[in-house]
């Protein structure tokens, strides 16, 4: 019995050794992945740098376009240091006309934008109606104190309307003590004994 157990233990030990050796071999021959943590970190940093450069480039392009639009609308500044009064008045009138024209264009654009926004809202409401969804109106902020006062007011109003007697049990109003208890004189005992003595004396 002990010999069989020793053989079994030896077999198990050898199996464990072989398994450990194979696992060690697998680990040593296992190919490391291409994306190691260092490479991942470097790639992340590179992507961040690229994104920051792209954002900066977009901002520069936008600024250039803005400056170009401003220079087109305002025009080149006129030399005013060696002009007479008539030339200055003419330049002022020209600038005034240009501002007036730009304001007209601005108002026209605002009207177009307003109409487009109205159309967009109308289309959105139609789409929501088709889907069965409804636009949730924007909620107003109400102070907590005000809502508590309103709740208290409603509660007191309900309380005033409530019939408190409705839930009470009906009870007989007349209590007949005469039937249940024997009649007692209202006089104290000493007075009753005095009356008896007086009655005997007579």
Protein backbone atom coordinates (compact mmCIF):
# COMPACT_ATOMS: atom_id res chain seq x y z
CA UNK A 1 0.00 0.00 0.00
CA UNK A 2 2.77 2.39 0.98
CA UNK A 3 4.78 1.34 -2.12
CA UNK A 4 1.84 2.11 -4.47
CA UNK A 5 1.37 5.51 -2.86
CA UNK A 6 5.07 6.32 -3.26
CA UNK A 7 4.92 5.38 -6.97
CA UNK A 8 1.82 7.52 -7.47
CA UNK A 9 3.47 10.50 -5.72
CA UNK A 10 6.58 10.06 -7.88
CA UNK A 11 4.48 10.08 -11.07
CA UNK A 12 2.64 13.23 -9.96
CA UNK A 13 5.93 14.95 -9.13
CA UNK A 14 7.36 14.10 -12.56
CA UNK A 15 4.19 15.37 -14.27
CA UNK A 16 4.43 18.66 -12.39
CA UNK A 17 8.13 18.99 -13.33
CA UNK A 18 7.39 18.35 -17.01
CA UNK A 19 4.51 20.84 -16.96
CA UNK A 20 6.69 23.50 -15.28
CA UNK A 21 9.48 22.90 -17.84
CA UNK A 22 7.04 23.19 -20.76
CA UNK A 23 5.52 26.40 -19.37
CA UNK A 24 9.00 27.89 -18.93
CA UNK A 25 9.84 26.95 -22.54
CA UNK A 26 6.62 28.49 -23.80
CA UNK A 27 7.34 31.72 -21.94
CA UNK A 28 10.87 31.95 -23.30
CA UNK A 29 9.87 31.20 -26.91
CA UNK A 30 6.72 33.32 -26.75
CA UNK A 31 6.95 36.27 -29.09
CA UNK A 32 6.62 39.64 -27.43
CA UNK A 33 3.75 41.75 -28.72
CA UNK A 34 4.45 44.65 -31.05
CA UNK A 35 2.68 47.17 -28.82
CA UNK A 36 4.70 47.21 -25.65
CA UNK A 37 3.75 49.72 -22.91
CA UNK A 38 6.67 51.98 -23.91
CA UNK A 39 5.56 52.01 -27.54
CA UNK A 40 1.96 52.69 -26.51
CA UNK A 41 3.07 55.64 -24.41
CA UNK A 42 5.24 57.02 -27.23
CA UNK A 43 2.39 56.62 -29.72
CA UNK A 44 -0.03 58.38 -27.37
CA UNK A 45 2.38 61.29 -26.94
CA UNK A 46 2.89 61.50 -30.71
CA UNK A 47 -0.87 61.58 -31.34
CA UNK A 48 -1.31 64.29 -28.70
CA UNK A 49 1.44 66.38 -30.29
CA UNK A 50 -0.11 65.96 -33.75
CA UNK A 51 -3.56 66.94 -32.45
CA UNK A 52 -2.13 70.04 -30.72
CA UNK A 53 -0.30 71.06 -33.92
CA UNK A 54 -3.49 70.58 -35.95
CA UNK A 55 -5.51 72.73 -33.54
CA UNK A 56 -2.83 75.44 -33.64
CA UNK A 57 -2.75 75.34 -37.44
CA UNK A 58 -6.57 75.64 -37.63
CA UNK A 59 -6.47 78.63 -35.27
CA UNK A 60 -3.81 80.34 -37.42
CA UNK A 61 -5.86 79.75 -40.59
CA UNK A 62 -8.96 81.17 -38.91
CA UNK A 63 -7.04 84.23 -37.70
CA UNK A 64 -5.63 84.85 -41.21
CA UNK A 65 -9.13 84.59 -42.73
CA UNK A 66 -10.47 86.99 -40.10
CA UNK A 67 -7.72 89.54 -40.76
CA UNK A 68 -8.30 89.23 -44.51
CA UNK A 69 -12.07 89.81 -44.13
CA UNK A 70 -11.46 92.82 -41.87
CA UNK A 71 -8.97 94.35 -44.31
CA UNK A 72 -11.39 93.80 -47.24
CA UNK A 73 -14.28 95.44 -45.42
CA UNK A 74 -12.41 98.36 -43.92
CA UNK A 75 -10.14 99.09 -46.85
CA UNK A 76 -6.75 100.72 -46.69
CA UNK A 77 -6.45 103.64 -44.26
CA UNK A 78 -6.30 107.01 -45.99
CA UNK A 79 -3.45 109.38 -45.19
CA UNK A 80 -4.96 112.18 -43.11
CA UNK A 81 -1.90 114.01 -41.77
CA UNK A 82 -1.50 116.35 -44.78
CA UNK A 83 -5.17 116.68 -45.91
CA UNK A 84 -7.36 119.76 -45.93
CA UNK A 85 -10.85 119.96 -44.43
CA UNK A 86 -12.72 119.09 -47.65
CA UNK A 87 -10.65 115.92 -48.15
CA UNK A 88 -11.29 114.88 -44.53
CA UNK A 89 -15.05 115.46 -44.94
CA UNK A 90 -15.03 113.38 -48.14
CA UNK A 91 -13.12 110.56 -46.38
CA UNK A 92 -15.58 110.65 -43.45
CA UNK A 93 -18.55 110.49 -45.84
CA UNK A 94 -16.97 107.55 -47.64
CA UNK A 95 -16.41 105.71 -44.35
CA UNK A 96 -19.96 106.54 -43.25
CA UNK A 97 -21.39 105.13 -46.50
CA UNK A 98 -19.27 102.01 -46.16
CA UNK A 99 -20.43 101.48 -42.52
CA UNK A 100 -24.05 102.03 -43.60
CA UNK A 101 -23.69 99.46 -46.38
CA UNK A 102 -22.04 96.93 -44.05
CA UNK A 103 -24.82 97.39 -41.48
CA UNK A 104 -27.40 96.73 -44.21
CA UNK A 105 -25.59 93.51 -45.16
CA UNK A 106 -25.38 92.53 -41.49
CA UNK A 107 -29.12 93.03 -40.96
CA UNK A 108 -29.90 91.07 -44.13
CA UNK A 109 -27.68 88.22 -42.94
CA UNK A 110 -29.30 88.28 -39.49
CA UNK A 111 -32.73 88.03 -41.10
CA UNK A 112 -31.61 85.10 -43.26
CA UNK A 113 -30.11 83.36 -40.20
CA UNK A 114 -33.29 83.95 -38.19
CA UNK A 115 -35.44 82.47 -40.99
CA UNK A 116 -33.13 79.46 -41.31
CA UNK A 117 -33.25 78.86 -37.54
CA UNK A 118 -37.05 79.02 -37.64
CA UNK A 119 -37.12 76.50 -40.51
CA UNK A 120 -34.74 74.20 -38.63
CA UNK A 121 -36.89 74.32 -35.49
CA UNK A 122 -40.02 73.69 -37.55
CA UNK A 123 -38.43 70.68 -39.25
CA UNK A 124 -37.16 69.34 -35.92
CA UNK A 125 -40.62 69.60 -34.38
CA UNK A 126 -42.11 67.79 -37.40
CA UNK A 127 -39.53 65.01 -37.12
CA UNK A 128 -40.19 64.70 -33.39
CA UNK A 129 -43.94 64.54 -34.02
CA UNK A 130 -43.41 61.76 -36.56
CA UNK A 131 -41.28 59.81 -34.11
CA UNK A 132 -43.72 60.41 -31.30
CA UNK A 133 -41.30 62.46 -29.24
CA UNK A 134 -42.21 65.85 -27.91
CA UNK A 135 -39.93 68.75 -27.15
CA UNK A 136 -39.43 69.20 -23.43
CA UNK A 137 -39.88 72.87 -22.57
CA UNK A 138 -36.99 74.51 -20.75
CA UNK A 139 -37.60 74.40 -17.02
CA UNK A 140 -37.40 77.54 -14.95
CA UNK A 141 -35.37 77.61 -11.79
CA UNK A 142 -37.60 77.98 -8.77
CA UNK A 143 -36.21 78.65 -5.34
CA UNK A 144 -36.58 75.90 -2.78
CA UNK A 145 -38.09 78.31 -0.24
CA UNK A 146 -40.82 79.34 -2.68
CA UNK A 147 -41.80 75.74 -3.46
CA UNK A 148 -41.93 74.89 0.24
CA UNK A 149 -44.22 77.86 0.89
CA UNK A 150 -46.45 76.79 -2.00
CA UNK A 151 -46.65 73.21 -0.65
CA UNK A 152 -47.51 74.51 2.83
CA UNK A 153 -50.23 76.75 1.37
CA UNK A 154 -51.75 73.84 -0.56
CA UNK A 155 -51.58 71.61 2.51
CA UNK A 156 -53.36 74.17 4.72
CA UNK A 157 -56.00 74.65 2.01
CA UNK A 158 -56.62 70.89 1.86
CA UNK A 159 -56.66 70.73 5.65
CA UNK A 160 -59.29 73.46 5.84
CA UNK A 161 -61.48 71.63 3.32
CA UNK A 162 -61.06 68.27 5.04
CA UNK A 163 -63.95 66.93 7.14
CA UNK A 164 -62.33 65.70 10.34
CA UNK A 165 -65.57 64.42 11.84
CA UNK A 166 -66.25 62.10 8.92
CA UNK A 167 -63.78 59.49 10.15
CA UNK A 168 -65.05 59.45 13.75
CA UNK A 169 -67.28 56.72 15.11
CA UNK A 170 -70.91 57.59 15.87
CA UNK A 171 -71.71 57.44 19.59
CA UNK A 172 -75.00 57.82 21.49
CA UNK A 173 -75.30 61.29 22.89
CA UNK A 174 -77.50 60.45 25.85
CA UNK A 175 -75.85 58.46 28.61
CA UNK A 176 -78.29 56.89 30.95
CA UNK A 177 -76.62 56.69 34.33
CA UNK A 178 -79.89 56.26 36.20
CA UNK A 179 -80.42 52.72 35.01
CA UNK A 180 -76.90 51.52 35.60
CA UNK A 181 -76.01 53.15 38.93
CA UNK A 182 -78.16 53.54 42.04
CA UNK A 183 -79.08 57.10 43.02
CA UNK A 184 -76.90 58.73 45.61
CA UNK A 185 -77.67 61.70 47.80
CA UNK A 186 -75.53 64.65 47.20
CA UNK A 187 -75.23 65.24 50.93
CA UNK A 188 -72.19 64.07 52.83
CA UNK A 189 -72.50 61.22 55.35
CA UNK A 190 -72.16 63.39 58.46
CA UNK A 191 -75.02 65.58 57.24
CA UNK A 192 -77.16 62.49 56.68
CA UNK A 193 -76.39 61.20 60.19
CA UNK A 194 -77.24 64.62 61.67
CA UNK A 195 -80.60 64.56 59.87
CA UNK A 196 -81.32 61.07 61.24
CA UNK A 197 -80.49 62.24 64.76
CA UNK A 198 -82.78 65.24 64.34
CA UNK A 199 -85.58 62.98 63.07
CA UNK A 200 -85.18 60.63 66.07
CA UNK A 201 -85.20 63.51 68.52
CA UNK A 202 -88.49 64.76 67.20
